N, C-alpha and C. Protein backbone atom coordinates (compact mmCIF):
# COMPACT_ATOMS: atom_id res chain seq x y z
N MET A 1 0.81 -0.86 0.18
CA MET A 1 0.15 0.40 0.50
C MET A 1 0.78 1.59 -0.09
N THR A 2 0.79 2.30 -0.80
CA THR A 2 1.58 3.15 -0.87
C THR A 2 0.20 4.51 -0.88
N ILE A 3 1.18 5.38 0.28
CA ILE A 3 0.13 6.63 0.70
C ILE A 3 0.94 8.02 -0.32
N ASP A 4 0.37 8.88 -1.15
CA ASP A 4 0.78 10.38 -1.47
C ASP A 4 0.67 10.68 -0.21
N PHE A 5 2.12 11.46 0.44
CA PHE A 5 2.49 12.05 1.33
C PHE A 5 2.57 13.57 0.64
N THR A 6 1.86 14.53 1.78
CA THR A 6 2.30 15.50 1.46
C THR A 6 2.51 16.23 2.64
N SER A 7 3.87 17.24 2.59
CA SER A 7 4.22 17.49 4.37
C SER A 7 3.02 18.44 5.14
N ASP A 8 3.48 19.02 6.29
CA ASP A 8 2.02 19.32 6.92
C ASP A 8 2.80 20.84 6.66
N GLY A 9 3.52 21.30 6.35
CA GLY A 9 4.21 22.94 6.43
C GLY A 9 5.90 22.92 5.44
N GLU A 10 6.47 24.01 5.80
CA GLU A 10 7.77 24.12 5.30
C GLU A 10 8.84 23.35 6.44
N MET A 11 9.62 22.89 5.20
CA MET A 11 10.74 22.53 5.88
C MET A 11 11.95 23.16 5.49
N SER A 12 12.41 23.81 6.65
CA SER A 12 13.51 25.12 6.69
C SER A 12 14.91 24.52 7.48
N SER A 13 14.93 23.63 8.44
CA SER A 13 15.82 23.73 8.60
C SER A 13 16.19 22.20 8.94
N THR A 14 17.62 21.83 9.58
CA THR A 14 18.25 20.31 9.77
C THR A 14 16.92 19.79 10.82
N GLU A 15 16.92 20.81 11.74
CA GLU A 15 15.76 20.20 13.17
C GLU A 15 14.59 19.96 12.53
N ASP A 16 13.65 20.45 11.33
CA ASP A 16 12.57 20.14 10.87
C ASP A 16 12.84 19.04 10.50
N PHE A 17 13.73 18.60 9.07
CA PHE A 17 14.34 17.42 9.01
C PHE A 17 14.18 16.50 10.33
N GLU A 18 15.09 16.19 11.07
CA GLU A 18 14.90 15.56 12.15
C GLU A 18 13.52 15.39 12.53
N GLU A 19 12.86 16.41 12.80
CA GLU A 19 11.96 15.98 13.48
C GLU A 19 10.71 15.30 12.63
N ALA A 20 10.49 15.46 11.36
CA ALA A 20 9.86 14.69 10.36
C ALA A 20 10.26 13.32 10.61
N LEU A 21 11.74 13.02 10.09
CA LEU A 21 12.31 11.62 10.10
C LEU A 21 12.00 10.77 11.82
N SER A 22 11.84 11.63 12.78
CA SER A 22 11.57 10.80 14.11
C SER A 22 9.95 10.63 13.87
N ARG A 23 9.35 11.39 13.52
CA ARG A 23 7.50 10.78 13.52
C ARG A 23 7.83 9.60 12.32
N VAL A 24 8.38 9.94 11.59
CA VAL A 24 8.44 8.31 10.10
C VAL A 24 8.49 7.08 11.07
N LEU A 25 10.08 7.40 11.73
CA LEU A 25 10.34 6.42 12.32
C LEU A 25 9.45 5.47 13.29
N LEU A 26 9.13 6.56 14.28
CA LEU A 26 8.42 6.14 15.72
C LEU A 26 6.52 5.27 14.97
N SER A 27 6.71 6.39 14.02
CA SER A 27 4.95 5.54 13.40
C SER A 27 5.18 4.25 12.82
N ALA A 28 6.28 3.64 12.06
CA ALA A 28 7.49 2.68 11.90
C ALA A 28 7.19 2.06 12.77
N LEU A 29 7.56 1.70 13.83
CA LEU A 29 7.61 1.16 15.15
C LEU A 29 6.66 0.71 15.45
N GLU A 30 5.70 1.78 16.00
CA GLU A 30 4.67 1.32 16.74
C GLU A 30 3.57 0.95 15.60
N ASN A 31 3.91 0.76 14.43
CA ASN A 31 3.32 0.12 13.70
C ASN A 31 3.55 -1.78 13.28
N ASP A 32 4.34 -1.89 13.73
CA ASP A 32 5.19 -3.03 13.57
C ASP A 32 6.10 -3.49 12.37
N ILE A 33 6.61 -2.11 12.01
CA ILE A 33 7.63 -1.97 10.69
C ILE A 33 8.73 -1.78 11.19
N ASP A 34 9.37 -2.84 11.09
CA ASP A 34 10.81 -2.70 11.26
C ASP A 34 11.70 -1.93 9.97
N PRO A 35 12.37 -0.60 10.44
CA PRO A 35 12.53 0.47 9.61
C PRO A 35 14.01 0.18 9.42
N ARG A 36 14.84 -0.90 10.42
CA ARG A 36 16.12 -1.40 10.11
C ARG A 36 16.38 -1.33 8.61
N GLY A 37 17.33 -1.24 7.71
CA GLY A 37 18.06 -1.54 6.78
C GLY A 37 18.54 -0.69 5.93
N THR A 38 18.76 -0.95 4.70
CA THR A 38 18.71 -0.01 3.43
C THR A 38 17.59 -0.05 2.92
N TRP A 39 17.27 1.30 1.97
CA TRP A 39 16.14 1.98 1.41
C TRP A 39 16.41 2.53 0.33
N GLU A 40 15.93 2.74 -0.73
CA GLU A 40 16.21 3.40 -1.35
C GLU A 40 15.10 4.25 -2.38
N TYR A 41 15.26 5.64 -2.50
CA TYR A 41 14.43 6.24 -2.48
C TYR A 41 14.65 7.08 -3.95
N ARG A 42 13.87 7.00 -5.19
CA ARG A 42 13.83 7.78 -6.02
C ARG A 42 12.73 8.91 -6.38
N THR A 43 13.48 9.75 -7.30
CA THR A 43 12.98 10.78 -7.16
C THR A 43 12.09 10.91 -8.26
N ASP A 44 11.64 9.93 -9.21
CA ASP A 44 11.56 10.13 -10.58
C ASP A 44 12.24 11.24 -11.59
N GLY A 45 13.70 12.09 -10.98
CA GLY A 45 14.09 12.47 -12.01
C GLY A 45 14.15 14.10 -11.59
N THR A 46 13.39 14.16 -10.61
CA THR A 46 12.69 15.57 -9.94
C THR A 46 13.78 16.26 -9.01
N ALA A 47 14.92 15.20 -8.37
CA ALA A 47 15.73 15.20 -7.89
C ALA A 47 16.98 13.88 -7.83
N SER A 48 18.07 14.55 -7.24
CA SER A 48 19.09 12.76 -6.61
C SER A 48 18.43 11.69 -6.32
N ASP A 49 18.57 10.60 -6.69
CA ASP A 49 17.76 9.19 -6.02
C ASP A 49 18.90 8.75 -4.90
N MET A 50 18.70 8.71 -3.70
CA MET A 50 19.33 8.29 -2.56
C MET A 50 18.83 6.92 -1.74
N GLU A 51 20.64 6.77 -1.50
CA GLU A 51 20.03 5.26 -0.39
C GLU A 51 20.23 5.48 0.95
N ILE A 52 19.39 5.45 1.65
CA ILE A 52 18.67 5.40 3.58
C ILE A 52 19.31 4.36 3.80
N MET A 53 19.97 4.33 5.09
CA MET A 53 20.49 3.39 5.87
C MET A 53 20.08 3.40 7.20
N VAL A 54 19.56 2.59 7.70
CA VAL A 54 18.81 3.18 9.24
C VAL A 54 19.23 1.70 10.28
N VAL A 55 20.79 1.86 11.23
CA VAL A 55 20.53 1.23 11.90
C VAL A 55 20.62 1.69 13.08
N GLU A 56 20.27 0.37 14.21
CA GLU A 56 20.14 0.42 15.66
C GLU A 56 21.10 0.70 16.22
N LEU A 57 21.25 1.94 17.06
CA LEU A 57 22.42 2.27 17.61
C LEU A 57 22.63 1.58 19.22
N ALA A 58 23.85 1.10 19.51
CA ALA A 58 23.87 0.35 21.05
C ALA A 58 23.47 1.63 22.05
N ASP A 59 22.93 0.40 23.10
CA ASP A 59 22.93 1.98 24.63
C ASP A 59 24.21 2.43 25.34
């Protein structure tokens, strides 16, 4: 299932990005989705394609 994502507002700082990323990761964990691993993000030519790695940190 895919959902069209639209942001709730402007993202104008690193802090805004970290907050949005935090919400996505927390939502995944709360819904029994393991976000760990390597993910590809394709932009369909509108920007650079990226590879994102999520690694669990040791305490």
